């Protein structure tokens, strides 16, 4: 199995990376830098814009061998993919696979890092889903870990691709068939009202104006918050992430006027996910939604970007992912 981003063999089962929703949330690529967060104050950060900070790694955990609520088994740890040989006794999950609290914790963290909001067994040939309560118990999560797991689950769930929304007329879930058209037909309301009922996917009000439209409907105040973010976000300068690169610019004015100045938020040119950069790392970024690597400055895919790339202008549209 290979990591699709790096191409490096991975010991973990390849469950893929859960997709993320691009509107209206912004995914911060480097949320761990508090100084950077302060610089982003000029425009409000939307809910779930900052990924929960990871709890520190704990030392190995061990089950209480006298715990009557656990079913202990002999044999291999089914989640010890790195062959670390954890010393705790093995206990059975509800699906029947044997785990140790540390291997289970590591596996569940792996799922959360992949953008998952549910815990699925990684044992061979098993796709059983565990409840959060079972994970808390069997992984011996402490209060700090439980808080981190819960917040990250909520964060990931909020970002997973939303193919349905609740109709403002009847409250039933409606699926949008055309990802580039904001006009959506509700068949339930159409049948009940005896007339065509359409609503706006963006502002969730009954449709007004011409159709099809991908920018806004005719309702007052209907706007795309992602486009507003792309329009109003401050500029950033990629300075200090690579001393060797920066040393090429002996004159500060030359450096400031170079190609390393660009908007702090970009829409991934492949899938449209809004990404926010801190300038604390290389401009070459990996989109957590589609796994495509591109240059944050010129928006070209990895391999197409040259060292003397030219900054792409502010984006005025959100790319639609053609999977």
Protein backbone atom coordinates (compact mmCIF):
# COMPACT_ATOMS: atom_id res chain seq x y z
CA UNK A 1 0.00 0.00 0.00
CA UNK A 2 1.25 3.47 -0.87
CA UNK A 3 0.61 6.94 0.45
CA UNK A 4 -1.02 8.60 -2.54
CA UNK A 5 0.54 11.93 -1.70
CA UNK A 6 4.15 10.89 -1.16
CA UNK A 7 4.27 7.58 -3.01
CA UNK A 8 5.96 6.02 0.00
CA UNK A 9 4.89 2.52 1.05
CA UNK A 10 2.59 2.63 4.07
CA UNK A 11 2.13 -0.13 6.64
CA UNK A 12 -1.45 0.97 7.24
CA UNK A 13 -4.49 -0.19 5.26
CA UNK A 14 -5.30 2.35 2.55
CA UNK A 15 -8.74 3.59 3.48
CA UNK A 16 -8.35 6.74 1.41
CA UNK A 17 -8.76 10.29 2.59
CA UNK A 18 -12.21 11.53 3.34
CA UNK A 19 -13.27 14.45 1.14
CA UNK A 20 -13.87 17.89 2.59
CA UNK A 21 -16.53 20.46 1.90
CA UNK A 22 -15.20 23.64 0.32
CA UNK A 23 -18.01 26.09 1.07
CA UNK A 24 -17.89 28.09 3.24
CA UNK A 25 -15.14 26.60 5.42
CA UNK A 26 -11.44 27.34 5.17
CA UNK A 27 -8.90 24.63 5.91
CA UNK A 28 -5.84 26.02 7.65
CA UNK A 29 -2.77 24.18 6.46
CA UNK A 30 -0.65 25.12 9.48
CA UNK A 31 -2.99 25.92 12.41
CA UNK A 32 -0.31 25.27 15.03
CA UNK A 33 1.33 28.70 14.72
CA UNK A 34 -0.40 31.10 17.18
CA UNK A 35 1.45 34.14 15.84
CA UNK A 36 -0.01 33.48 12.42
CA UNK A 37 -3.52 33.12 13.79
CA UNK A 38 -3.26 36.63 15.21
CA UNK A 39 -2.44 38.04 11.78
CA UNK A 40 -5.66 36.64 10.33
CA UNK A 41 -7.88 38.84 12.50
CA UNK A 42 -8.90 41.24 9.67
CA UNK A 43 -11.63 38.85 8.51
CA UNK A 44 -13.67 36.52 10.72
CA UNK A 45 -12.75 32.87 10.75
CA UNK A 46 -15.80 30.70 10.00
CA UNK A 47 -16.90 27.94 12.32
CA UNK A 48 -14.64 24.88 12.14
CA UNK A 49 -11.96 26.91 10.35
CA UNK A 50 -9.21 25.75 12.69
CA UNK A 51 -8.47 22.09 13.10
CA UNK A 52 -8.37 20.93 16.72
CA UNK A 53 -4.87 20.82 18.14
CA UNK A 54 -3.60 17.30 18.61
CA UNK A 55 -3.22 16.06 22.16
CA UNK A 56 0.36 15.13 23.05
CA UNK A 57 1.46 11.56 22.50
CA UNK A 58 1.17 9.47 25.64
CA UNK A 59 3.35 6.64 26.82
CA UNK A 60 2.20 3.08 26.20
CA UNK A 61 -1.05 2.09 27.89
CA UNK A 62 -1.87 -1.27 29.40
CA UNK A 63 -5.16 -2.95 30.24
CA UNK A 64 -5.91 -3.97 33.80
CA UNK A 65 -5.57 -7.77 33.59
CA UNK A 66 -8.27 -8.09 36.28
CA UNK A 67 -10.87 -6.01 34.41
CA UNK A 68 -13.93 -8.32 34.15
CA UNK A 69 -15.48 -6.22 31.37
CA UNK A 70 -12.70 -7.11 28.93
CA UNK A 71 -12.32 -10.32 26.94
CA UNK A 72 -8.62 -11.13 26.79
CA UNK A 73 -7.17 -13.30 24.05
CA UNK A 74 -3.79 -14.70 23.15
CA UNK A 75 -2.20 -13.95 19.80
CA UNK A 76 -1.17 -11.02 17.70
CA UNK A 77 -2.29 -7.41 18.03
CA UNK A 78 -4.40 -6.95 14.87
CA UNK A 79 -3.77 -3.18 14.78
CA UNK A 80 -0.03 -3.22 15.40
CA UNK A 81 0.80 -2.46 11.77
CA UNK A 82 4.30 -1.17 12.61
CA UNK A 83 5.14 -4.30 14.61
CA UNK A 84 5.91 -2.28 17.73
CA UNK A 85 5.09 -5.16 20.03
CA UNK A 86 3.05 -3.41 22.71
CA UNK A 87 3.32 -5.15 26.06
CA UNK A 88 -0.32 -4.90 27.11
CA UNK A 89 -2.52 -7.96 27.00
CA UNK A 90 -4.75 -8.24 23.92
CA UNK A 91 -8.48 -7.67 24.26
CA UNK A 92 -11.27 -8.28 21.78
CA UNK A 93 -13.20 -5.46 20.15
CA UNK A 94 -16.88 -5.93 19.33
CA UNK A 95 -15.88 -7.08 15.84
CA UNK A 96 -13.66 -9.82 17.25
CA UNK A 97 -10.25 -8.36 16.39
CA UNK A 98 -7.62 -8.21 19.11
CA UNK A 99 -6.10 -4.88 20.10
CA UNK A 100 -4.02 -3.16 22.74
CA UNK A 101 -5.04 0.28 24.00
CA UNK A 102 -2.01 1.90 22.37
CA UNK A 103 -2.46 0.27 18.96
CA UNK A 104 -6.15 1.19 19.01
CA UNK A 105 -5.36 4.78 19.93
CA UNK A 106 -2.79 5.03 17.14
CA UNK A 107 -5.18 3.55 14.57
CA UNK A 108 -8.01 5.87 15.53
CA UNK A 109 -5.68 8.85 15.36
CA UNK A 110 -4.72 7.67 11.89
CA UNK A 111 -8.38 7.71 10.86
CA UNK A 112 -8.86 11.20 12.29
CA UNK A 113 -5.75 12.43 10.47
CA UNK A 114 -7.28 11.11 7.23
CA UNK A 115 -10.36 13.25 7.79
CA UNK A 116 -12.60 10.45 9.03
CA UNK A 117 -15.40 11.14 11.47
CA UNK A 118 -16.15 7.48 12.24
CA UNK A 119 -13.99 4.70 13.57
CA UNK A 120 -13.72 1.62 11.35
CA UNK A 121 -11.74 -1.50 12.14
CA UNK A 122 -8.47 -1.84 10.26
CA UNK A 123 -8.22 -5.59 10.80
CA UNK A 124 -7.81 -7.81 7.77
CA UNK A 125 -11.09 -8.23 5.91
CA UNK A 126 -13.05 -6.25 8.49
CA UNK A 127 -14.99 -3.04 7.96
CA UNK A 128 -16.90 -3.01 11.25
CA UNK A 129 -17.66 0.39 12.73
CA UNK A 130 -17.00 1.03 16.40
CA UNK A 131 -18.93 3.47 18.55
CA UNK A 132 -17.11 6.37 20.14
CA UNK A 133 -17.97 4.92 23.56
CA UNK A 134 -16.28 1.62 22.67
CA UNK A 135 -13.18 3.42 21.41
CA UNK A 136 -12.98 5.50 24.60
CA UNK A 137 -13.18 2.39 26.74
CA UNK A 138 -10.92 0.07 24.74
CA UNK A 139 -8.29 2.74 23.95
CA UNK A 140 -8.22 3.88 27.58
CA UNK A 141 -8.60 7.46 26.44
CA UNK A 142 -7.95 10.07 29.12
CA UNK A 143 -10.12 13.23 29.31
CA UNK A 144 -7.71 15.22 27.12
CA UNK A 145 -7.68 12.53 24.45
CA UNK A 146 -11.46 12.16 24.55
CA UNK A 147 -11.89 15.89 24.05
CA UNK A 148 -9.46 15.87 21.13
CA UNK A 149 -11.12 12.84 19.52
CA UNK A 150 -14.60 14.35 19.88
CA UNK A 151 -13.61 17.75 18.53
CA UNK A 152 -11.75 16.22 15.60
CA UNK A 153 -14.68 13.93 14.78
CA UNK A 154 -17.00 16.95 14.73
CA UNK A 155 -14.48 18.94 12.70
CA UNK A 156 -14.10 16.18 10.11
CA UNK A 157 -17.84 15.56 9.91
CA UNK A 158 -18.43 19.24 9.22
CA UNK A 159 -15.95 19.13 6.35
CA UNK A 160 -17.06 15.94 4.69
CA UNK A 161 -18.68 16.38 1.31
CA UNK A 162 -22.30 17.43 1.66
CA UNK A 163 -24.34 16.01 -1.20
CA UNK A 164 -27.65 16.87 0.44
CA UNK A 165 -29.25 19.82 2.19
CA UNK A 166 -32.59 20.26 3.90
CA UNK A 167 -35.22 21.88 1.73
CA UNK A 168 -36.40 25.19 3.26
CA UNK A 169 -39.98 24.30 2.27
CA UNK A 170 -40.52 20.80 3.65
CA UNK A 171 -37.37 20.05 5.62
CA UNK A 172 -36.60 16.87 3.69
CA UNK A 173 -33.10 16.10 2.43
CA UNK A 174 -32.59 17.05 -1.20
CA UNK A 175 -29.67 15.99 -3.39
CA UNK A 176 -28.11 18.44 -5.83
CA UNK A 177 -27.51 16.69 -9.14
CA UNK A 178 -25.54 19.47 -10.84
CA UNK A 179 -22.63 20.70 -8.72
CA UNK A 180 -22.30 23.92 -10.74
CA UNK A 181 -25.97 24.98 -10.58
CA UNK A 182 -27.37 26.60 -7.43
CA UNK A 183 -30.94 26.02 -8.56
CA UNK A 184 -32.34 22.85 -6.92
CA UNK A 185 -35.74 21.24 -7.42
CA UNK A 186 -37.57 19.77 -4.41
CA UNK A 187 -39.87 17.00 -5.67
CA UNK A 188 -41.70 16.73 -2.34
CA UNK A 189 -42.68 20.42 -2.22
CA UNK A 190 -43.52 20.36 -5.93
CA UNK A 191 -45.96 17.48 -5.37
CA UNK A 192 -47.50 18.97 -2.21
CA UNK A 193 -47.85 22.51 -3.51
CA UNK A 194 -48.96 21.46 -6.97
CA UNK A 195 -46.39 23.77 -8.54
CA UNK A 196 -42.68 23.82 -9.27
CA UNK A 197 -40.72 24.50 -6.07
CA UNK A 198 -37.04 25.31 -6.37
CA UNK A 199 -34.64 26.71 -3.82
CA UNK A 200 -31.14 28.16 -3.76
CA UNK A 201 -28.41 25.79 -2.62
CA UNK A 202 -26.41 28.77 -1.40
CA UNK A 203 -28.83 30.88 0.66
CA UNK A 204 -31.50 28.16 1.21
CA UNK A 205 -34.40 30.36 0.17
CA UNK A 206 -37.02 29.78 -2.50
CA UNK A 207 -35.45 30.43 -5.87
CA UNK A 208 -35.72 33.82 -7.51
CA UNK A 209 -34.33 34.94 -10.85
CA UNK A 210 -33.02 33.27 -13.96
CA UNK A 211 -31.67 29.75 -14.01
CA UNK A 212 -29.24 28.05 -14.19
CA UNK A 213 -26.85 30.11 -12.08
CA UNK A 214 -23.64 29.17 -10.31
CA UNK A 215 -22.87 32.46 -8.56
CA UNK A 216 -26.10 33.54 -6.83
CA UNK A 217 -29.89 33.58 -7.07
CA UNK A 218 -32.11 36.66 -7.23
CA UNK A 219 -32.69 36.84 -3.47
CA UNK A 220 -31.23 39.88 -1.76
CA UNK A 221 -28.06 39.08 0.15
CA UNK A 222 -27.38 35.79 -1.60
CA UNK A 223 -23.64 35.51 -1.99
CA UNK A 224 -20.92 32.90 -1.97
CA UNK A 225 -18.98 33.24 1.30
CA UNK A 226 -16.04 31.42 -0.22
CA UNK A 227 -15.74 34.01 -2.99
CA UNK A 228 -15.99 36.75 -0.37
CA UNK A 229 -13.14 35.13 1.54
CA UNK A 230 -11.00 34.89 -1.60
CA UNK A 231 -11.76 38.53 -2.33
CA UNK A 232 -11.11 39.98 1.14
CA UNK A 233 -8.36 37.81 2.64
CA UNK A 234 -5.08 39.67 3.24
CA UNK A 235 -1.91 39.07 1.25
CA UNK A 236 0.99 37.08 2.63
CA UNK A 237 4.71 37.02 1.85
CA UNK A 238 6.64 33.79 1.82
CA UNK A 239 9.59 34.99 3.87
CA UNK A 240 11.81 32.97 6.15
CA UNK A 241 10.55 29.49 5.23
CA UNK A 242 13.74 28.84 3.25
CA UNK A 243 16.81 30.87 4.17
CA UNK A 244 18.72 29.64 1.14
CA UNK A 245 15.95 30.78 -1.19
CA UNK A 246 15.57 34.11 0.57
CA UNK A 247 19.31 34.77 0.42
CA UNK A 248 18.99 35.14 -3.34
CA UNK A 249 17.20 38.42 -2.65
CA UNK A 250 19.87 40.65 -1.13
CA UNK A 251 17.73 43.73 -1.48
CA UNK A 252 14.59 43.69 0.67
CA UNK A 253 12.58 45.71 -1.87
CA UNK A 254 13.49 43.20 -4.55
CA UNK A 255 12.30 40.40 -2.30
CA UNK A 256 9.06 42.19 -1.40
CA UNK A 257 8.25 42.86 -5.05
CA UNK A 258 8.96 39.28 -6.12
CA UNK A 259 6.60 36.43 -6.88
CA UNK A 260 6.35 35.31 -3.26
CA UNK A 261 3.44 37.67 -2.46
CA UNK A 262 -0.02 36.17 -2.87
CA UNK A 263 -3.44 35.96 -1.16
CA UNK A 264 -3.42 34.08 2.15
CA UNK A 265 -6.38 31.93 1.05
CA UNK A 266 -6.52 29.95 -2.18
CA UNK A 267 -9.11 27.59 -3.65
CA UNK A 268 -7.49 24.32 -4.63
CA UNK A 269 -7.31 24.45 -8.45
CA UNK A 270 -8.44 20.82 -8.62
CA UNK A 271 -11.28 20.43 -6.11
CA UNK A 272 -12.06 23.94 -4.86
CA UNK A 273 -11.29 23.45 -1.16
CA UNK A 274 -10.32 26.75 0.46
CA UNK A 275 -6.83 26.53 1.92
CA UNK A 276 -5.18 29.09 4.18
CA UNK A 277 -1.38 29.31 4.31
CA UNK A 278 0.72 30.59 7.20
CA UNK A 279 3.95 31.14 5.19
CA UNK A 280 5.61 28.94 7.83
CA UNK A 281 6.40 26.26 5.25
CA UNK A 282 7.04 25.76 1.55
CA UNK A 283 4.53 27.21 -0.96
CA UNK A 284 4.13 23.69 -2.38
CA UNK A 285 1.10 22.26 -0.56
CA UNK A 286 -0.88 19.03 -0.54
CA UNK A 287 -4.64 19.48 -0.71
CA UNK A 288 -6.19 17.33 2.07
CA UNK A 289 -9.30 16.79 -0.01
CA UNK A 290 -8.07 15.64 -3.43
CA UNK A 291 -4.41 14.89 -2.53
CA UNK A 292 -3.12 17.01 -5.43
CA UNK A 293 0.13 18.90 -4.79
CA UNK A 294 0.21 22.45 -6.15
CA UNK A 295 2.06 25.73 -5.70
CA UNK A 296 0.20 28.17 -3.44
CA UNK A 297 1.74 31.09 -5.34
CA UNK A 298 1.13 30.29 -9.02
CA UNK A 299 -1.56 27.58 -8.51
CA UNK A 300 0.18 25.18 -10.89
CA UNK A 301 0.43 21.50 -10.12
CA UNK A 302 3.66 20.11 -8.73
CA UNK A 303 6.19 19.68 -11.53
CA UNK A 304 4.72 22.53 -13.59
CA UNK A 305 5.79 25.26 -11.18
CA UNK A 306 9.19 26.82 -11.88
CA UNK A 307 11.46 28.48 -9.35
CA UNK A 308 10.64 31.82 -10.99
CA UNK A 309 6.88 31.30 -11.02
CA UNK A 310 4.53 34.27 -11.28
CA UNK A 311 1.85 34.76 -8.63
CA UNK A 312 -1.60 33.94 -9.91
CA UNK A 313 -4.19 36.70 -9.37
CA UNK A 314 -6.93 36.43 -6.78
CA UNK A 315 -9.40 33.76 -7.78
CA UNK A 316 -12.90 34.87 -8.74
CA UNK A 317 -14.50 31.44 -9.00
CA UNK A 318 -14.43 28.14 -7.11
CA UNK A 319 -13.23 25.15 -9.18
CA UNK A 320 -15.68 22.24 -9.35
CA UNK A 321 -14.07 18.88 -8.67
CA UNK A 322 -14.57 16.58 -11.64
CA UNK A 323 -13.94 13.22 -9.95
